[in-house]
Amino acid sequence: MTTSSMFAEPLWTTPELALATAGRVVGRADEPATGVSIDSRTVARGDVFFAIKGDVHDGHKFVADALARGAALAVIDEAHAAELKDAGALLVVKDVLAALVATGVAARARSKARIVAVTGSVGKTSTKEALRLVLAEDGPTHASAASHNNHWGVPLTLARLPRSAAYGVFEIGMNHADEIRPLVKMVRPHVAAITNVEPVHLAAFPNVEAIADAKAEVFEGFANGGHAVINRDNPHYERLKAAATEAGAAVWSFGEHVSSDARLDRLAMKEQGSCVAATVLGEGVTFKIGAPGRHVVQNALAVLLSAKLAGADLALAALALARFAPPAGRGKRLALSAPGGVLTVIDESYNANPASMRAALALLGQSPVQPGGRRIAVLGDMLELGPESEALHAKVAEAAANAKIDLVFTAGPLMKALNDALPPARRGGWAATAAELEPKLFERLRGKDVVMIKGSNGSRMGPLVTALRDRFAPADETFAAGSL
């Protein structure tokens, strides 16, 4: 995603793409490309469409549709060249995904932008979005859309990087070792930040230390040194620091630790955000952030430190954080009219792991409730946690108790372990799936409750949020918006 409409120049000419991909042009292809797409359903006029072969669909089946929607050019492979020769403007290459990668590498090579890469077990997308917001105050900024952080999302984001961008922000994800390394070598960041290291994707790793090592691959992409930004409060800080130092990076830290380069000094947490006093590279800064939670404040420190190291104005960056709002599924609040009062829904349905689950429950515990209201957690399975999965789910009971959650509803076979670990008075109900849990939840909800819904993508908790929105009308938005 590119910030506003600040980039007006064409993104690619056909000769540039042919040179970058070693492809050959078929048909009349003289219209400059203004965008890059790999999904024919969202192709806009002027896009170049890369016919990627995905896990489910082969993009070559949708070339005609993409061109009909106004694509300036379609990139296809030699195997489909004969059957598509009359479809329209084509760039024929040996392998389409490799061509997308080559296009991304070419975009990075021509760019003069200051580049920031973000990875971490929790908070990557929110941190990336906050960086996009604050850097845009300083100059034209390009950032990845949604969570485009994998083997096709990163080169796609690179391929969309305008040549006039002043800043670029790239989210880089992984669920196994050696996944970040090739991606960050495409991105070649000036600043690389790791939000944290937590026990996620344990099915693919022997221990959390191995996860830290995989995250530290992000430091291997610096072209000539660079700035490594690391969470000073994380228990794996020293391990990450050693990896960054070995990669030749300057190491900077953020957190509450007294020696942090971006240090939290004072904090006042509110329902819809926080007021923060911090010291960033020796400079005092006071700011508001428009999303609640201590974990959000922690990542805001990483944002300000990374922005400053990238060359942005710290004061402008700090002011911009007041406009930050949580992305969909990552803490967005809804106010709904229910019998007996306003029902507040905290949508955390995008994903879940033990660290983000603890943070979400803590946030729910800090949320004020009206007299007669209850704090209710609706939790789905946390996936990819390996052999310790049941124990990690059961341990969530401690976080629910610490946050003084009144009722916990659970969905999924793994969450049965949490349900069994809860005291009877705190059990809202368990079901094998989120869909089966829905009637049990609706039966017990009432106005004035505050409900937080969270689970891994595969647990399908998002439809519960949709079902609540369908069942209850929106309430006065000022109730959910709150104020700092």
Protein backbone atom coordinates (compact mmCIF):
# COMPACT_ATOMS: atom_id res chain seq x y z
CA MET A 1 0.00 0.00 0.00
CA THR A 2 1.25 3.45 -0.88
CA THR A 3 0.37 6.37 1.34
CA SER A 4 -2.39 8.56 -0.19
CA SER A 5 -1.89 9.55 -3.84
CA MET A 6 1.54 11.08 -3.41
CA PHE A 7 3.05 8.99 -6.24
CA ALA A 8 1.89 10.08 -9.70
CA GLU A 9 4.60 8.78 -12.00
CA PRO A 10 4.28 5.52 -13.97
CA LEU A 11 5.65 2.56 -12.05
CA TRP A 12 7.07 0.53 -14.94
CA THR A 13 7.45 0.73 -18.69
CA THR A 14 7.31 -2.50 -20.68
CA PRO A 15 10.99 -2.21 -21.74
CA GLU A 16 12.00 -1.83 -18.09
CA LEU A 17 10.02 -4.93 -17.13
CA ALA A 18 11.41 -6.90 -20.06
CA LEU A 19 14.95 -5.96 -19.04
CA ALA A 20 14.38 -6.80 -15.36
CA THR A 21 12.77 -10.19 -16.07
CA ALA A 22 14.66 -11.22 -19.22
CA GLY A 23 11.24 -11.61 -20.82
CA ARG A 24 9.97 -11.18 -24.37
CA VAL A 25 7.06 -8.97 -25.35
CA VAL A 26 4.10 -10.37 -27.29
CA GLY A 27 1.46 -8.04 -28.70
CA ARG A 28 1.28 -4.28 -28.41
CA ALA A 29 2.44 -3.34 -24.92
CA ASP A 30 3.20 0.37 -24.94
CA GLU A 31 1.04 1.50 -22.00
CA PRO A 32 3.10 2.28 -18.87
CA ALA A 33 2.14 0.25 -15.81
CA THR A 34 0.86 2.19 -12.80
CA GLY A 35 0.51 -0.78 -10.46
CA VAL A 36 1.34 -4.46 -9.92
CA SER A 37 -1.16 -7.21 -9.15
CA ILE A 38 -1.22 -10.98 -8.71
CA ASP A 39 -5.00 -11.19 -8.18
CA SER A 40 -7.21 -10.72 -11.23
CA ARG A 41 -10.18 -9.89 -9.00
CA THR A 42 -8.53 -6.69 -7.82
CA VAL A 43 -6.73 -5.65 -11.00
CA ALA A 44 -7.01 -1.91 -11.66
CA ARG A 45 -6.60 -0.18 -14.99
CA GLY A 46 -2.91 0.18 -15.76
CA ASP A 47 -1.73 -2.71 -13.58
CA VAL A 48 0.77 -5.30 -14.74
CA PHE A 49 -0.70 -8.69 -13.84
CA PHE A 50 1.71 -11.47 -12.83
CA ALA A 51 0.04 -14.85 -13.46
CA ILE A 52 1.43 -16.57 -10.37
CA LYS A 53 0.72 -20.25 -9.85
CA GLY A 54 -0.57 -20.42 -6.28
CA ASP A 55 -1.44 -23.26 -3.94
CA VAL A 56 -5.03 -23.35 -5.21
CA HIS A 57 -5.24 -21.48 -8.52
CA ASP A 58 -2.99 -20.91 -11.51
CA GLY A 59 -3.05 -17.23 -12.47
CA HIS A 60 -2.78 -18.13 -16.15
CA LYS A 61 -6.47 -19.06 -16.04
CA PHE A 62 -7.30 -15.45 -15.25
CA VAL A 63 -5.10 -13.60 -17.72
CA ALA A 64 -7.97 -12.80 -20.09
CA ASP A 65 -10.05 -11.51 -17.18
CA ALA A 66 -7.18 -9.34 -15.91
CA LEU A 67 -6.65 -7.80 -19.35
CA ALA A 68 -10.39 -7.23 -19.73
CA ARG A 69 -10.35 -5.33 -16.45
CA GLY A 70 -7.77 -2.94 -17.87
CA ALA A 71 -4.41 -4.50 -17.06
CA ALA A 72 -1.68 -2.86 -19.13
CA LEU A 73 0.29 -6.09 -19.40
CA ALA A 74 0.16 -9.71 -18.26
CA VAL A 75 3.31 -11.63 -17.30
CA ILE A 76 2.99 -15.30 -18.26
CA ASP A 77 5.32 -18.28 -18.58
CA GLU A 78 6.55 -19.96 -21.76
CA ALA A 79 4.38 -23.01 -21.10
CA HIS A 80 1.23 -20.89 -21.63
CA ALA A 81 2.56 -18.59 -24.35
CA ALA A 82 1.00 -20.42 -27.30
CA GLU A 83 -2.51 -20.66 -25.87
CA LEU A 84 -2.52 -17.02 -24.70
CA LYS A 85 -0.76 -15.42 -27.68
CA ASP A 86 -3.91 -13.59 -28.79
CA ALA A 87 -5.05 -12.50 -25.30
CA GLY A 88 -3.44 -9.05 -25.46
CA ALA A 89 -0.26 -7.39 -24.24
CA LEU A 90 1.99 -10.08 -22.77
CA LEU A 91 5.45 -10.42 -21.26
CA VAL A 92 6.59 -14.03 -21.58
CA VAL A 93 9.12 -15.28 -19.02
CA LYS A 94 10.53 -18.62 -17.93
CA ASP A 95 8.95 -18.53 -14.45
CA VAL A 96 6.40 -15.95 -13.30
CA LEU A 97 7.25 -15.96 -9.59
CA ALA A 98 10.95 -15.61 -10.43
CA ALA A 99 10.01 -12.71 -12.70
CA LEU A 100 8.11 -11.04 -9.87
CA VAL A 101 11.17 -11.45 -7.64
CA ALA A 102 13.40 -9.99 -10.36
CA THR A 103 11.03 -7.03 -10.73
CA GLY A 104 11.16 -6.43 -7.00
CA VAL A 105 14.95 -6.59 -6.99
CA ALA A 106 15.06 -4.09 -9.86
CA ALA A 107 12.72 -1.75 -8.01
CA ARG A 108 14.94 -1.89 -4.94
CA ALA A 109 18.08 -1.30 -7.01
CA ARG A 110 16.72 1.91 -8.55
CA SER A 111 15.21 3.24 -5.31
CA LYS A 112 16.79 5.97 -3.22
CA ALA A 113 14.30 5.40 -0.39
CA ARG A 114 15.31 4.72 3.18
CA ILE A 115 14.06 1.20 3.87
CA VAL A 116 12.79 -0.23 7.17
CA ALA A 117 12.11 -3.96 7.64
CA VAL A 118 9.97 -5.27 10.50
CA THR A 119 9.71 -8.80 11.85
CA GLY A 120 8.84 -10.40 15.19
CA SER A 121 6.65 -13.04 16.78
CA VAL A 122 3.86 -10.58 17.58
CA GLY A 123 2.93 -7.12 16.37
CA LYS A 124 4.59 -7.05 12.93
CA THR A 125 1.64 -5.71 10.98
CA SER A 126 0.59 -3.12 13.56
CA THR A 127 4.18 -1.89 13.83
CA LYS A 128 4.48 -1.73 10.05
CA GLU A 129 1.25 0.28 9.85
CA ALA A 130 2.44 2.68 12.55
CA LEU A 131 5.73 3.15 10.70
CA ARG A 132 3.83 3.85 7.47
CA LEU A 133 1.81 6.50 9.29
CA VAL A 134 4.71 8.29 10.96
CA LEU A 135 7.13 8.19 8.02
CA ALA A 136 4.47 9.63 5.73
CA GLU A 137 4.68 12.80 7.83
CA ASP A 138 8.26 13.19 6.64
CA GLY A 139 8.03 12.17 2.98
CA PRO A 140 6.37 9.94 0.35
CA THR A 141 6.10 6.51 1.95
CA HIS A 142 5.43 3.07 0.49
CA ALA A 143 4.46 0.11 2.68
CA SER A 144 3.24 -3.44 2.22
CA ALA A 145 -0.51 -3.94 2.00
CA ALA A 146 -2.22 -6.14 4.59
CA SER A 147 0.26 -8.79 5.79
CA HIS A 148 2.16 -9.26 2.53
CA ASN A 149 5.20 -10.71 4.28
CA ASN A 150 6.00 -14.02 2.60
CA HIS A 151 7.74 -15.36 -0.52
CA TRP A 152 5.29 -13.66 -2.87
CA GLY A 153 4.11 -10.77 -0.69
CA VAL A 154 7.58 -9.28 -0.18
CA PRO A 155 8.60 -9.23 -3.87
CA LEU A 156 5.11 -7.94 -4.75
CA THR A 157 5.54 -5.05 -2.33
CA LEU A 158 9.01 -4.36 -3.71
CA ALA A 159 7.71 -4.42 -7.28
CA ARG A 160 5.20 -1.73 -6.28
CA LEU A 161 7.90 0.53 -4.78
CA PRO A 162 7.71 3.87 -6.63
CA ARG A 163 11.03 5.27 -7.75
CA SER A 164 10.26 8.59 -6.01
CA ALA A 165 9.51 7.09 -2.57
CA ALA A 166 11.43 8.65 0.31
CA TYR A 167 10.69 5.74 2.65
CA GLY A 168 9.72 2.11 2.31
CA VAL A 169 8.39 -0.19 5.06
CA PHE A 170 8.42 -3.95 4.65
CA GLU A 171 6.92 -6.59 6.92
CA ILE A 172 8.80 -9.89 6.81
CA GLY A 173 7.28 -13.02 8.31
CA MET A 174 8.30 -16.64 8.78
CA ASN A 175 7.15 -19.95 10.15
CA HIS A 176 10.36 -21.89 9.58
CA ALA A 177 14.10 -21.29 9.51
CA ASP A 178 15.76 -19.85 6.38
CA GLU A 179 12.53 -18.11 5.32
CA ILE A 180 13.46 -14.54 6.27
CA ARG A 181 17.00 -14.73 4.81
CA PRO A 182 16.14 -14.63 1.07
CA LEU A 183 13.37 -12.08 1.63
CA VAL A 184 15.49 -9.57 3.52
CA LYS A 185 18.26 -9.90 0.94
CA MET A 186 15.73 -8.62 -1.60
CA VAL A 187 14.61 -5.78 0.67
CA ARG A 188 18.14 -4.68 1.75
CA PRO A 189 16.93 -2.46 4.62
CA HIS A 190 18.75 0.41 6.24
CA VAL A 191 16.89 -0.32 9.50
CA ALA A 192 15.66 -3.75 10.65
CA ALA A 193 13.47 -4.08 13.74
CA ILE A 194 12.46 -7.19 15.71
CA THR A 195 9.41 -6.45 17.85
CA ASN A 196 9.86 -9.53 20.06
CA VAL A 197 10.59 -13.26 20.14
CA GLU A 198 7.94 -15.55 21.62
CA PRO A 199 7.00 -19.27 21.51
CA VAL A 200 5.10 -19.29 18.20
CA HIS A 201 5.44 -21.73 15.27
CA LEU A 202 6.96 -24.18 17.73
CA ALA A 203 5.83 -27.04 15.51
CA ALA A 204 8.70 -26.07 13.18
CA PHE A 205 11.34 -25.26 15.84
CA PRO A 206 12.97 -27.24 18.66
CA ASN A 207 12.85 -24.29 21.08
CA VAL A 208 12.36 -20.54 21.37
CA GLU A 209 16.09 -19.93 20.93
CA ALA A 210 15.80 -21.38 17.44
CA ILE A 211 12.96 -18.95 16.74
CA ALA A 212 15.22 -16.08 17.86
CA ASP A 213 17.91 -17.27 15.46
CA ALA A 214 15.39 -17.39 12.61
CA LYS A 215 14.18 -13.87 13.40
CA ALA A 216 17.79 -12.67 13.49
CA GLU A 217 18.11 -13.58 9.80
CA VAL A 218 16.59 -10.14 9.22
CA PHE A 219 19.99 -8.63 10.06
CA GLU A 220 21.65 -10.43 7.15
CA GLY A 221 20.12 -8.12 4.54
CA PHE A 222 22.07 -4.96 5.28
CA ALA A 223 24.09 -3.94 2.23
CA ASN A 224 26.76 -1.91 4.08
CA GLY A 225 26.09 -2.14 7.77
CA GLY A 226 22.76 -0.88 9.04
CA HIS A 227 20.71 -0.29 12.15
CA ALA A 228 19.34 -3.21 14.17
CA VAL A 229 16.43 -2.32 16.48
CA ILE A 230 15.82 -4.89 19.23
CA ASN A 231 13.42 -5.22 22.16
CA ARG A 232 15.61 -4.67 25.24
CA ASP A 233 13.03 -6.24 27.56
CA ASN A 234 12.84 -9.52 25.63
CA PRO A 235 14.76 -12.42 27.24
CA HIS A 236 16.48 -13.11 23.91
CA TYR A 237 17.93 -9.60 23.57
CA GLU A 238 21.56 -10.65 24.03
CA ARG A 239 21.21 -13.46 21.48
CA LEU A 240 19.70 -11.08 18.93
CA LYS A 241 22.29 -8.42 19.68
CA ALA A 242 25.11 -10.89 19.05
CA ALA A 243 23.60 -11.85 15.70
CA ALA A 244 23.19 -8.20 14.69
CA THR A 245 26.76 -7.39 15.72
CA GLU A 246 28.07 -10.34 13.73
CA ALA A 247 26.18 -8.99 10.71
CA GLY A 248 28.01 -5.67 11.10
CA ALA A 249 25.01 -3.68 12.26
CA ALA A 250 24.82 -0.90 14.82
CA VAL A 251 22.58 -2.16 17.63
CA TRP A 252 19.82 -0.04 19.18
CA SER A 253 17.23 -1.06 21.74
CA PHE A 254 13.76 -0.10 22.94
CA GLY A 255 11.74 -0.89 26.04
CA GLU A 256 11.42 -0.14 29.74
CA HIS A 257 14.97 -1.25 30.55
CA VAL A 258 17.00 1.68 31.87
CA SER A 259 19.64 1.29 29.16
CA SER A 260 17.18 1.28 26.24
CA ASP A 261 17.94 3.75 23.46
CA ALA A 262 14.19 4.35 23.18
CA ARG A 263 13.13 4.18 26.82
CA LEU A 264 9.65 4.30 28.32
CA ASP A 265 9.70 6.86 31.14
CA ARG A 266 6.03 7.31 32.07
CA LEU A 267 2.80 5.77 30.89
CA ALA A 268 -0.90 6.50 31.40
CA MET A 269 -3.05 3.83 29.76
CA LYS A 270 -6.57 4.71 28.66
CA GLU A 271 -9.40 2.65 27.23
CA GLN A 272 -8.74 3.74 23.66
CA GLY A 273 -5.05 4.61 23.77
CA SER A 274 -2.18 5.75 25.96
CA CYS A 275 -0.27 8.87 26.92
CA VAL A 276 3.48 8.25 26.89
CA ALA A 277 6.64 10.02 27.97
CA ALA A 278 9.80 8.51 26.53
CA THR A 279 13.42 9.25 25.76
CA VAL A 280 14.52 8.40 22.22
CA LEU A 281 18.25 8.62 21.50
CA GLY A 282 18.61 11.11 24.34
CA GLU A 283 15.70 13.29 23.22
CA GLY A 284 12.64 13.56 25.46
CA VAL A 285 9.31 13.09 23.68
CA THR A 286 5.72 13.03 24.93
CA PHE A 287 3.03 11.56 22.71
CA LYS A 288 -0.37 9.92 22.54
CA ILE A 289 -1.01 6.69 20.67
CA GLY A 290 -4.50 5.97 19.42
CA ALA A 291 -4.63 2.26 20.27
CA PRO A 292 -4.76 0.70 23.74
CA GLY A 293 -2.40 -1.72 25.45
CA ARG A 294 1.07 -1.82 26.95
CA HIS A 295 2.31 -3.96 24.06
CA VAL A 296 1.21 -1.23 21.65
CA VAL A 297 3.26 1.32 23.60
CA GLN A 298 6.28 -1.00 23.50
CA ASN A 299 6.04 -1.25 19.72
CA ALA A 300 5.51 2.52 19.45
CA LEU A 301 8.98 2.93 20.96
CA ALA A 302 10.35 0.69 18.21
CA VAL A 303 8.50 2.79 15.63
CA LEU A 304 9.93 6.09 16.86
CA LEU A 305 13.44 4.68 17.17
CA SER A 306 13.31 3.13 13.68
CA ALA A 307 11.87 6.31 12.15
CA LYS A 308 14.59 8.43 13.73
CA LEU A 309 17.33 6.06 12.54
CA ALA A 310 15.83 6.15 9.05
CA GLY A 311 16.25 9.91 9.05
CA ALA A 312 12.71 11.06 9.85
CA ASP A 313 11.77 13.94 12.14
CA LEU A 314 11.10 12.53 15.62
CA ALA A 315 8.65 15.25 16.66
CA LEU A 316 6.49 14.78 13.56
CA ALA A 317 6.56 11.01 14.02
CA ALA A 318 5.46 11.29 17.65
CA LEU A 319 2.56 13.60 16.75
CA ALA A 320 1.37 11.19 14.06
CA LEU A 321 0.97 8.31 16.52
CA ALA A 322 -2.14 9.94 17.97
CA ARG A 323 -3.89 9.05 14.69
CA PHE A 324 -2.87 5.40 14.81
CA ALA A 325 -5.79 2.99 14.96
CA PRO A 326 -5.58 -0.78 15.28
CA PRO A 327 -5.96 -2.65 11.96
CA ALA A 328 -9.00 -4.89 11.48
CA GLY A 329 -8.84 -7.99 13.65
CA ARG A 330 -6.08 -6.54 15.81
CA GLY A 331 -7.92 -4.71 18.57
CA LYS A 332 -10.54 -2.67 16.73
CA ARG A 333 -13.50 -1.85 19.01
CA LEU A 334 -17.15 -1.99 18.07
CA ALA A 335 -20.08 -0.54 20.03
CA LEU A 336 -23.31 -2.47 19.48
CA SER A 337 -26.83 -1.92 20.80
CA ALA A 338 -27.85 -4.98 22.82
CA PRO A 339 -30.72 -5.56 25.24
CA GLY A 340 -29.82 -3.78 28.46
CA GLY A 341 -27.19 -1.42 27.07
CA VAL A 342 -24.18 -1.07 24.81
CA LEU A 343 -22.20 -4.21 24.06
CA THR A 344 -18.51 -3.49 23.38
CA VAL A 345 -16.68 -5.94 21.12
CA ILE A 346 -12.88 -6.01 20.88
CA ASP A 347 -11.96 -7.68 17.59
CA GLU A 348 -8.65 -9.55 18.04
CA SER A 349 -9.66 -12.30 15.65
CA TYR A 350 -6.84 -11.96 13.13
CA ASN A 351 -4.38 -14.34 14.78
CA ALA A 352 -3.19 -15.69 18.13
CA ASN A 353 -0.22 -17.14 19.97
CA PRO A 354 0.59 -17.32 23.69
CA ALA A 355 2.19 -13.85 23.82
CA SER A 356 -0.54 -12.04 21.91
CA MET A 357 -3.18 -13.95 23.91
CA ARG A 358 -1.68 -12.70 27.18
CA ALA A 359 -1.55 -9.15 25.82
CA ALA A 360 -5.15 -9.27 24.61
CA LEU A 361 -6.42 -10.63 27.93
CA ALA A 362 -4.48 -7.95 29.81
CA LEU A 363 -6.06 -5.33 27.57
CA LEU A 364 -9.52 -6.76 28.22
CA GLY A 365 -8.79 -6.71 31.93
CA GLN A 366 -7.98 -2.99 31.73
CA SER A 367 -11.16 -2.19 29.81
CA PRO A 368 -13.75 -0.42 31.97
CA VAL A 369 -17.20 -1.96 32.24
CA GLN A 370 -20.45 -0.32 33.18
CA PRO A 371 -22.22 -1.44 36.35
CA GLY A 372 -23.69 -4.85 35.72
CA GLY A 373 -21.37 -5.55 32.79
CA ARG A 374 -18.79 -8.34 32.52
CA ARG A 375 -15.45 -8.87 30.83
CA ILE A 376 -15.80 -11.85 28.50
CA ALA A 377 -13.08 -13.58 26.47
CA VAL A 378 -14.02 -15.73 23.48
CA LEU A 379 -10.95 -17.71 22.48
CA GLY A 380 -10.12 -20.08 19.61
CA ASP A 381 -7.25 -22.49 19.11
CA MET A 382 -3.68 -21.20 18.87
CA LEU A 383 -2.12 -23.22 16.07
CA GLU A 384 1.42 -24.36 15.16
CA LEU A 385 2.60 -24.65 18.77
CA GLY A 386 4.01 -28.17 18.54
CA PRO A 387 4.05 -30.85 21.26
CA GLU A 388 3.58 -28.34 24.10
CA SER A 389 0.37 -27.05 22.56
CA GLU A 390 -2.08 -28.36 25.16
CA ALA A 391 0.06 -27.10 28.06
CA LEU A 392 0.38 -23.67 26.44
CA HIS A 393 -3.39 -23.49 26.01
CA ALA A 394 -4.02 -24.54 29.62
CA LYS A 395 -1.56 -21.86 30.81
CA VAL A 396 -3.83 -19.16 29.37
CA ALA A 397 -6.01 -19.75 32.45
CA GLU A 398 -3.40 -17.88 34.51
CA ALA A 399 -3.58 -14.85 32.22
CA ALA A 400 -7.38 -14.89 32.40
CA ALA A 401 -7.22 -14.99 36.19
CA ASN A 402 -4.63 -12.20 36.38
CA ALA A 403 -6.80 -10.02 34.16
CA LYS A 404 -9.88 -10.82 36.27
CA ILE A 405 -11.89 -12.00 33.26
CA ASP A 406 -15.44 -12.94 34.29
CA LEU A 407 -16.23 -15.53 31.62
CA VAL A 408 -14.12 -17.41 29.07
CA PHE A 409 -15.76 -19.09 26.08
CA THR A 410 -13.53 -21.50 24.14
CA ALA A 411 -13.70 -23.08 20.69
CA GLY A 412 -11.59 -25.84 19.17
CA PRO A 413 -9.98 -29.12 20.28
CA LEU A 414 -6.87 -27.41 21.67
CA MET A 415 -8.89 -24.90 23.67
CA LYS A 416 -10.52 -27.80 25.51
CA ALA A 417 -7.33 -27.82 27.62
CA LEU A 418 -7.98 -24.22 28.63
CA ASN A 419 -11.64 -24.88 29.34
CA ASP A 420 -10.68 -27.74 31.66
CA ALA A 421 -8.06 -25.58 33.42
CA LEU A 422 -10.54 -22.79 34.20
CA PRO A 423 -12.45 -22.73 37.49
CA PRO A 424 -16.11 -23.63 36.89
CA ALA A 425 -17.32 -20.11 37.64
CA ARG A 426 -15.18 -18.70 34.81
CA ARG A 427 -16.23 -21.25 32.16
CA GLY A 428 -18.58 -19.69 29.65
CA GLY A 429 -18.80 -22.75 27.44
CA TRP A 430 -16.76 -24.85 25.02
CA ALA A 431 -17.52 -26.09 21.51
CA ALA A 432 -15.56 -27.98 18.91
CA THR A 433 -15.76 -25.07 16.45
CA ALA A 434 -16.39 -21.34 16.56
CA ALA A 435 -19.60 -21.83 14.59
CA GLU A 436 -20.90 -24.29 17.20
CA LEU A 437 -19.93 -21.89 19.97
CA GLU A 438 -21.99 -19.05 18.51
CA PRO A 439 -25.42 -19.98 20.02
CA LYS A 440 -23.87 -20.60 23.45
CA LEU A 441 -22.22 -17.19 23.37
CA PHE A 442 -25.31 -15.33 22.17
CA GLU A 443 -27.42 -16.99 24.85
CA ARG A 444 -25.33 -15.48 27.65
CA LEU A 445 -24.33 -12.07 26.25
CA ARG A 446 -26.07 -8.95 27.45
CA GLY A 447 -25.74 -5.21 27.22
CA LYS A 448 -22.87 -3.53 29.12
CA ASP A 449 -20.58 -6.55 28.57
CA VAL A 450 -17.13 -6.09 27.04
CA VAL A 451 -16.30 -9.05 24.78
CA MET A 452 -12.89 -9.83 23.30
CA ILE A 453 -12.68 -12.38 20.45
CA LYS A 454 -9.33 -13.95 19.56
CA GLY A 455 -7.85 -17.02 17.90
CA SER A 456 -5.54 -18.19 15.14
CA ASN A 457 -6.75 -17.64 11.59
CA GLY A 458 -7.45 -21.33 11.20
CA SER A 459 -9.79 -21.31 14.20
CA ARG A 460 -12.24 -19.10 12.27
CA MET A 461 -13.07 -16.64 15.05
CA GLY A 462 -13.57 -13.72 12.66
CA PRO A 463 -17.07 -14.88 11.63
CA LEU A 464 -18.13 -14.56 15.28
CA VAL A 465 -17.38 -10.85 15.09
CA THR A 466 -19.39 -10.64 11.87
CA ALA A 467 -22.26 -12.53 13.49
CA LEU A 468 -22.34 -10.06 16.38
CA ARG A 469 -22.40 -7.13 13.98
CA ASP A 470 -25.24 -8.77 12.06
CA ARG A 471 -27.26 -9.49 15.19
CA PHE A 472 -26.90 -6.10 16.92
CA ALA A 473 -27.17 -2.62 15.43
CA PRO A 474 -24.32 -0.14 15.83
CA ALA A 475 -24.54 1.95 18.97
CA ASP A 476 -23.43 5.54 19.45
CA GLU A 477 -19.89 5.44 18.05
CA THR A 478 -18.64 7.91 20.61
CA PHE A 479 -19.00 5.25 23.26
CA ALA A 480 -16.47 2.97 21.57
CA ALA A 481 -14.25 5.75 20.29
CA GLY A 482 -13.58 7.20 23.72
CA SER A 483 -10.97 9.91 24.20
CA LEU A 484 -7.50 10.25 25.57
